[in-house]
Amino acid sequence: MSAGLQLGVIGSLALSVASSVAIVICNKALISTLGFPFATTLTSWHLMVTFCTLHVAQRLHFFEPKAIDGQTVILFGLLNGTSIGLLNLSLGFNSIGFYQMTKLAIIPFTVLLETIFLKKRFSESIKLSLLVLLLGVGIASVTDLKLNLLGSILSGLAIATTCVGQILTNTIQKRLKVSSTQLLYQSAPYQAAILFATGPFVDQLLTNRSVFAHKYSAPVLAFIVLSCLIAVSVNFSTFLVIGTTSPVTYQVLGHLKTCLVLSFGYTLLHDPFTLRNILGILVAIFGMALYSYFSVRESKKKSTNDALPVSQMPDKEAEPLLATKDSNDTKKANGLSHDC
């Protein structure tokens, strides 16, 4: 991996962490302090603002759009939008502890899917570091584990759609040679559309309140605008991180964000914090350090192997899970813009 690419990956990881922690703090103030609990509808607004921002950027020639098979983009966008709605429903119909377990289950399920369908190999060292990470996050964040049938079904669907969506984010970018910006620009309208259509009903089901009847005071509107602006960076960095690294690395990063949010909640918002939280965060950070170390070491080995003649290197690149009609032609075409 070249020095320039390494800096790009580090920059995308830092952008993802900073923007995600910022939006969690902003949304917590919006939901808890200002009494605006309509998370699914808010997410649809995030995606619409993201698309509008990217459309302006495209018109100003900051990047060039690239045509992607329509069926692939639509299904991909609807899948990602559905996963967001299911995660919100899972949170609404489960205890906080079970919801945290749902988020933890995304990593092993992603590893399982990539192993079965993409024939990707994960070393024992990587698996061990992920186990340590999950143990630490579990200690830090999982409390009560109340189970119910509907909540369990929703959690299972949320895990499946989230994993498949993130795997597709990675494979579509690599297979079709599109940048994270190009893919987000193409799919954001469909993600926004399904959430825009279903969000008010989901939120009313979860809160027994209507987003249309809410009183929009000046502070509420200000925080909604701020949340939408931060979301542009969150959505962009999500596609960028998954495209330049892997879905598993993105999930590892997500648990780092969880630890940071817990820490910020204690230091800035004075949330309850126990010795168990501290121990869990330390174990999780140790797991992340192990994962980073083993990933870098294996990346160097892969770089050495890549120096072999192409004829000696079997193609291990993953096929996308969504078939496209003109994928063979698309594979031959060079991307118009590569900004990730």
Protein backbone atom coordinates (compact mmCIF):
# COMPACT_ATOMS: atom_id res chain seq x y z
CA MET A 1 0.00 0.00 0.00
CA SER A 2 1.52 3.32 -1.08
CA ALA A 3 2.08 6.18 1.35
CA GLY A 4 -0.53 8.30 -0.43
CA LEU A 5 -3.15 5.56 -0.18
CA GLN A 6 -2.32 4.99 3.48
CA LEU A 7 -2.86 8.70 4.19
CA GLY A 8 -6.15 8.54 2.31
CA VAL A 9 -7.35 5.57 4.38
CA ILE A 10 -6.28 7.24 7.64
CA GLY A 11 -8.04 10.44 6.59
CA SER A 12 -11.26 8.59 5.74
CA LEU A 13 -11.17 6.74 9.08
CA ALA A 14 -10.60 9.99 11.00
CA LEU A 15 -13.40 11.75 9.09
CA SER A 16 -15.77 8.87 9.80
CA VAL A 17 -15.01 8.85 13.54
CA ALA A 18 -15.19 12.62 13.97
CA SER A 19 -18.41 13.08 11.99
CA SER A 20 -20.15 10.09 13.57
CA VAL A 21 -19.36 11.16 17.13
CA ALA A 22 -20.46 14.72 16.27
CA ILE A 23 -23.80 13.59 14.85
CA VAL A 24 -24.48 11.31 17.84
CA ILE A 25 -23.95 14.23 20.22
CA CYS A 26 -26.08 16.52 18.02
CA ASN A 27 -28.90 13.98 17.70
CA LYS A 28 -28.82 13.20 21.40
CA ALA A 29 -29.40 16.88 22.12
CA LEU A 30 -32.15 16.98 19.49
CA ILE A 31 -33.94 13.87 20.75
CA SER A 32 -33.34 13.96 24.50
CA THR A 33 -33.12 17.67 25.26
CA LEU A 34 -35.36 19.22 22.59
CA GLY A 35 -37.86 16.37 22.42
CA PHE A 36 -37.63 15.48 18.72
CA PRO A 37 -37.76 11.63 18.69
CA PHE A 38 -38.39 11.04 14.99
CA ALA A 39 -35.12 9.26 14.12
CA THR A 40 -36.21 7.47 10.93
CA THR A 41 -37.73 10.60 9.39
CA LEU A 42 -34.63 12.57 10.37
CA THR A 43 -32.47 9.99 8.57
CA SER A 44 -34.51 10.46 5.37
CA TRP A 45 -33.79 14.19 5.59
CA HIS A 46 -30.10 13.40 6.09
CA LEU A 47 -30.03 11.41 2.86
CA MET A 48 -31.95 14.03 0.87
CA VAL A 49 -29.53 16.76 2.00
CA THR A 50 -26.62 14.46 1.15
CA PHE A 51 -27.96 13.91 -2.37
CA CYS A 52 -28.61 17.63 -2.90
CA THR A 53 -25.09 18.46 -1.69
CA LEU A 54 -23.54 15.89 -4.02
CA HIS A 55 -25.69 17.15 -6.90
CA VAL A 56 -24.36 20.68 -6.39
CA ALA A 57 -20.80 19.30 -6.13
CA GLN A 58 -21.31 17.38 -9.37
CA ARG A 59 -22.66 20.48 -11.14
CA LEU A 60 -19.57 22.37 -9.97
CA HIS A 61 -17.41 19.57 -11.44
CA PHE A 62 -15.94 18.40 -8.14
CA PHE A 63 -16.56 14.87 -9.40
CA GLU A 64 -17.93 13.25 -12.53
CA PRO A 65 -21.00 10.99 -12.26
CA LYS A 66 -20.71 7.48 -13.64
CA ALA A 67 -23.59 5.45 -14.99
CA ILE A 68 -24.33 2.30 -13.00
CA ASP A 69 -26.85 -0.37 -13.96
CA GLY A 70 -30.23 0.95 -12.83
CA GLN A 71 -31.44 -2.30 -11.28
CA THR A 72 -28.29 -2.58 -9.16
CA VAL A 73 -28.54 1.01 -7.90
CA ILE A 74 -32.24 0.79 -7.08
CA LEU A 75 -31.97 -2.53 -5.23
CA PHE A 76 -28.84 -1.37 -3.42
CA GLY A 77 -30.44 1.91 -2.35
CA LEU A 78 -33.66 0.26 -1.20
CA LEU A 79 -31.69 -2.38 0.72
CA ASN A 80 -29.66 0.22 2.59
CA GLY A 81 -32.74 2.31 3.33
CA THR A 82 -34.56 -0.77 4.62
CA SER A 83 -31.65 -1.70 6.89
CA ILE A 84 -31.77 1.74 8.54
CA GLY A 85 -35.50 1.43 9.17
CA LEU A 86 -35.10 -2.10 10.58
CA LEU A 87 -32.32 -0.98 12.94
CA ASN A 88 -34.58 1.78 14.27
CA LEU A 89 -37.46 -0.69 14.68
CA SER A 90 -35.11 -3.11 16.43
CA LEU A 91 -34.17 -0.39 18.90
CA GLY A 92 -37.84 0.42 19.45
CA PHE A 93 -39.01 -3.15 20.08
CA ASN A 94 -35.99 -4.40 22.06
CA SER A 95 -34.19 -3.46 25.24
CA ILE A 96 -31.05 -1.32 24.87
CA GLY A 97 -28.92 -4.31 25.84
CA PHE A 98 -30.42 -6.57 23.17
CA TYR A 99 -30.05 -3.79 20.58
CA GLN A 100 -26.35 -3.51 21.45
CA MET A 101 -26.05 -7.28 21.02
CA THR A 102 -27.67 -6.87 17.60
CA LYS A 103 -24.98 -4.36 16.60
CA LEU A 104 -22.26 -6.66 17.95
CA ALA A 105 -23.63 -9.57 15.88
CA ILE A 106 -23.06 -7.64 12.64
CA ILE A 107 -19.29 -8.35 12.66
CA PRO A 108 -19.40 -12.16 12.98
CA PHE A 109 -22.31 -12.33 10.55
CA THR A 110 -20.37 -10.21 8.02
CA VAL A 111 -17.34 -12.49 8.42
CA LEU A 112 -19.59 -15.52 7.87
CA LEU A 113 -21.19 -14.06 4.72
CA GLU A 114 -17.86 -13.02 3.21
CA THR A 115 -16.40 -16.44 3.97
CA ILE A 116 -19.32 -18.34 2.41
CA PHE A 117 -20.22 -16.19 -0.58
CA LEU A 118 -17.04 -14.26 -1.35
CA LYS A 119 -14.56 -17.00 -0.36
CA LYS A 120 -12.65 -14.48 1.74
CA ARG A 121 -10.24 -15.89 4.29
CA PHE A 122 -9.83 -14.43 7.77
CA SER A 123 -6.73 -15.47 9.71
CA GLU A 124 -6.94 -16.81 13.25
CA SER A 125 -5.19 -13.64 14.46
CA ILE A 126 -7.89 -11.42 12.93
CA LYS A 127 -10.65 -13.59 14.39
CA LEU A 128 -9.02 -13.44 17.83
CA SER A 129 -8.70 -9.65 17.72
CA LEU A 130 -12.36 -9.34 16.67
CA LEU A 131 -13.39 -11.60 19.56
CA VAL A 132 -11.49 -9.40 22.03
CA LEU A 133 -13.07 -6.29 20.52
CA LEU A 134 -16.61 -7.69 20.74
CA LEU A 135 -16.00 -8.84 24.32
CA GLY A 136 -14.87 -5.34 25.33
CA VAL A 137 -17.77 -3.54 23.64
CA GLY A 138 -20.16 -6.05 25.17
CA ILE A 139 -18.81 -5.42 28.66
CA ALA A 140 -18.97 -1.65 28.15
CA SER A 141 -22.40 -1.29 26.55
CA VAL A 142 -24.60 -4.35 27.03
CA THR A 143 -26.82 -4.26 30.10
CA ASP A 144 -30.23 -5.92 30.16
CA LEU A 145 -31.05 -8.64 27.63
CA LYS A 146 -34.84 -8.85 27.47
CA LEU A 147 -36.02 -11.02 24.58
CA ASN A 148 -39.28 -10.98 22.64
CA LEU A 149 -40.30 -12.70 19.40
CA LEU A 150 -41.07 -9.61 17.30
CA GLY A 151 -37.95 -7.79 18.50
CA SER A 152 -35.78 -10.83 17.74
CA ILE A 153 -37.19 -11.13 14.21
CA LEU A 154 -36.60 -7.43 13.56
CA SER A 155 -33.04 -7.71 14.89
CA GLY A 156 -32.33 -10.68 12.65
CA LEU A 157 -33.61 -8.83 9.59
CA ALA A 158 -31.64 -5.71 10.59
CA ILE A 159 -28.42 -7.73 10.91
CA ALA A 160 -28.92 -9.45 7.55
CA THR A 161 -29.78 -6.30 5.57
CA THR A 162 -27.00 -4.25 7.20
CA CYS A 163 -24.34 -6.88 6.50
CA VAL A 164 -25.40 -7.43 2.89
CA GLY A 165 -25.67 -3.68 2.28
CA GLN A 166 -22.17 -3.01 3.59
CA ILE A 167 -20.67 -5.93 1.67
CA LEU A 168 -22.31 -4.61 -1.50
CA THR A 169 -20.96 -1.12 -0.83
CA ASN A 170 -17.47 -2.59 -1.00
CA THR A 171 -17.95 -5.05 -3.87
CA ILE A 172 -19.88 -2.69 -6.16
CA GLN A 173 -17.18 -0.01 -5.86
CA LYS A 174 -14.44 -2.50 -6.69
CA ARG A 175 -16.25 -4.51 -9.36
CA LEU A 176 -17.76 -1.59 -11.24
CA LYS A 177 -14.80 0.73 -10.62
CA VAL A 178 -16.88 3.56 -9.15
CA SER A 179 -15.79 5.90 -6.40
CA SER A 180 -17.56 6.20 -3.06
CA THR A 181 -18.90 9.61 -4.14
CA GLN A 182 -20.31 8.24 -7.39
CA LEU A 183 -22.03 5.31 -5.69
CA LEU A 184 -23.48 7.47 -2.90
CA TYR A 185 -24.72 10.03 -5.45
CA GLN A 186 -26.49 7.32 -7.45
CA SER A 187 -28.05 5.46 -4.50
CA ALA A 188 -28.90 8.23 -2.01
CA PRO A 189 -32.23 9.19 -3.66
CA TYR A 190 -33.53 5.62 -3.36
CA GLN A 191 -32.37 5.31 0.25
CA ALA A 192 -34.04 8.62 1.04
CA ALA A 193 -37.22 7.70 -0.84
CA ILE A 194 -37.98 4.53 1.11
CA LEU A 195 -37.26 6.25 4.44
CA PHE A 196 -39.20 9.36 3.43
CA ALA A 197 -42.21 7.18 2.62
CA THR A 198 -42.04 4.90 5.67
CA GLY A 199 -40.28 7.10 8.25
CA PRO A 200 -43.35 8.96 9.61
CA PHE A 201 -45.24 5.67 10.07
CA VAL A 202 -42.26 3.96 11.74
CA ASP A 203 -41.72 6.92 14.05
CA GLN A 204 -45.40 7.12 14.98
CA LEU A 205 -45.39 3.38 15.72
CA LEU A 206 -42.39 3.78 18.01
CA THR A 207 -43.28 7.09 19.71
CA ASN A 208 -47.08 7.39 19.42
CA ARG A 209 -46.46 10.90 18.09
CA SER A 210 -46.77 12.42 14.63
CA VAL A 211 -43.83 14.15 13.01
CA PHE A 212 -46.31 16.39 11.17
CA ALA A 213 -47.95 17.58 14.42
CA HIS A 214 -44.65 18.39 16.16
CA LYS A 215 -43.96 21.99 17.15
CA TYR A 216 -40.84 23.09 15.28
CA SER A 217 -39.23 25.76 17.43
CA ALA A 218 -36.16 27.71 16.33
CA PRO A 219 -33.72 25.55 18.39
CA VAL A 220 -35.26 22.35 16.98
CA LEU A 221 -34.94 23.63 13.41
CA ALA A 222 -31.36 24.77 14.06
CA PHE A 223 -30.32 21.35 15.37
CA ILE A 224 -32.12 19.58 12.50
CA VAL A 225 -30.15 21.67 9.99
CA LEU A 226 -26.90 21.03 11.88
CA SER A 227 -27.64 17.29 12.03
CA CYS A 228 -28.31 17.19 8.27
CA LEU A 229 -25.07 19.02 7.49
CA ILE A 230 -23.02 16.66 9.67
CA ALA A 231 -24.84 13.71 8.04
CA VAL A 232 -23.37 14.65 4.65
CA SER A 233 -19.93 13.95 6.08
CA VAL A 234 -21.15 10.79 7.85
CA ASN A 235 -22.69 9.28 4.71
CA PHE A 236 -19.74 10.21 2.51
CA SER A 237 -17.15 8.85 4.97
CA THR A 238 -19.16 5.62 5.43
CA PHE A 239 -18.99 4.79 1.72
CA LEU A 240 -15.37 5.96 1.60
CA VAL A 241 -14.24 3.76 4.51
CA ILE A 242 -16.05 0.65 3.29
CA GLY A 243 -14.76 1.18 -0.25
CA THR A 244 -11.12 1.70 0.76
CA THR A 245 -11.00 -0.92 3.54
CA SER A 246 -13.69 -3.55 4.16
CA PRO A 247 -17.11 -3.97 5.79
CA VAL A 248 -15.49 -5.64 8.81
CA THR A 249 -13.05 -2.75 9.29
CA TYR A 250 -15.98 -0.34 9.12
CA GLN A 251 -17.77 -2.27 11.86
CA VAL A 252 -14.61 -2.24 14.00
CA LEU A 253 -14.51 1.50 13.50
CA GLY A 254 -18.16 1.68 14.50
CA HIS A 255 -17.38 0.10 17.85
CA LEU A 256 -14.57 2.61 18.37
CA LYS A 257 -17.24 5.28 17.89
CA THR A 258 -19.38 3.54 20.53
CA CYS A 259 -16.50 3.73 23.02
CA LEU A 260 -15.89 7.38 22.19
CA VAL A 261 -19.59 8.22 22.55
CA LEU A 262 -19.65 6.52 25.96
CA SER A 263 -16.57 8.51 26.99
CA PHE A 264 -17.95 11.80 25.69
CA GLY A 265 -21.26 11.09 27.37
CA TYR A 266 -19.49 10.80 30.70
CA THR A 267 -17.13 13.76 30.33
CA LEU A 268 -19.46 16.23 28.55
CA LEU A 269 -22.97 15.13 29.44
CA HIS A 270 -22.20 13.51 32.82
CA ASP A 271 -23.94 10.24 31.96
CA PRO A 272 -23.62 7.43 34.54
CA PHE A 273 -20.25 5.71 34.16
CA THR A 274 -19.05 2.64 36.04
CA LEU A 275 -15.89 0.61 36.44
CA ARG A 276 -17.48 -1.92 34.08
CA ASN A 277 -17.74 0.74 31.35
CA ILE A 278 -14.08 1.68 31.80
CA LEU A 279 -12.93 -1.97 31.75
CA GLY A 280 -15.00 -2.72 28.66
CA ILE A 281 -13.68 0.30 26.77
CA LEU A 282 -10.07 -0.64 27.61
CA VAL A 283 -10.60 -4.23 26.44
CA ALA A 284 -12.29 -2.97 23.25
CA ILE A 285 -9.44 -0.57 22.51
CA PHE A 286 -6.97 -3.42 23.02
CA GLY A 287 -8.98 -5.52 20.55
CA MET A 288 -8.95 -2.66 18.03
CA ALA A 289 -5.20 -2.31 18.43
CA LEU A 290 -4.76 -6.03 17.79
CA TYR A 291 -7.01 -5.87 14.73
CA SER A 292 -5.10 -2.88 13.35
CA TYR A 293 -1.74 -4.58 13.95
CA PHE A 294 -2.72 -7.86 12.32
CA SER A 295 -4.48 -6.09 9.42
CA VAL A 296 -1.39 -3.99 8.64
CA ARG A 297 0.86 -7.05 8.90
CA GLU A 298 -1.33 -9.07 6.54
CA SER A 299 -1.64 -6.10 4.19
CA LYS A 300 2.15 -5.98 3.89
CA LYS A 301 2.22 -9.70 3.11
CA LYS A 302 -0.44 -9.19 0.45
CA SER A 303 1.56 -6.31 -1.06
CA THR A 304 4.56 -8.61 -1.31
CA ASN A 305 2.45 -11.27 -3.05
CA ASP A 306 1.03 -8.64 -5.41
CA ALA A 307 4.55 -8.07 -6.71
CA LEU A 308 4.36 -11.48 -8.42
CA PRO A 309 3.51 -11.63 -12.14
CA VAL A 310 -0.21 -11.40 -12.80
CA SER A 311 -0.20 -14.84 -14.45
CA GLN A 312 0.89 -16.36 -11.12
CA MET A 313 -1.82 -14.57 -9.10
CA PRO A 314 -5.32 -16.11 -9.07
CA ASP A 315 -8.06 -13.50 -9.08
CA LYS A 316 -9.57 -13.35 -5.58
CA GLU A 317 -11.65 -10.26 -6.19
CA ALA A 318 -15.16 -10.67 -4.88
CA GLU A 319 -18.13 -10.75 -7.21
CA PRO A 320 -20.92 -8.31 -6.30
CA LEU A 321 -23.98 -9.90 -4.78
CA LEU A 322 -26.27 -8.01 -7.16
CA ALA A 323 -25.88 -9.12 -10.76
CA THR A 324 -25.87 -6.38 -13.38
CA LYS A 325 -26.90 -6.72 -16.98
CA ASP A 326 -23.86 -4.96 -18.41
CA SER A 327 -21.29 -5.77 -15.77
CA ASN A 328 -18.87 -7.24 -18.30
CA ASP A 329 -18.88 -4.03 -20.30
CA THR A 330 -18.61 -1.96 -17.17
CA LYS A 331 -15.59 -3.93 -16.00
CA LYS A 332 -13.76 -2.90 -19.14
CA ALA A 333 -14.52 0.78 -18.71
CA ASN A 334 -12.26 3.04 -16.73
CA GLY A 335 -13.82 5.18 -14.00
CA LEU A 336 -14.24 8.85 -14.86
CA SER A 337 -13.20 9.92 -11.38
CA HIS A 338 -11.39 8.18 -8.55
CA ASP A 339 -11.57 10.30 -5.43
CA CYS A 340 -11.40 7.56 -2.86
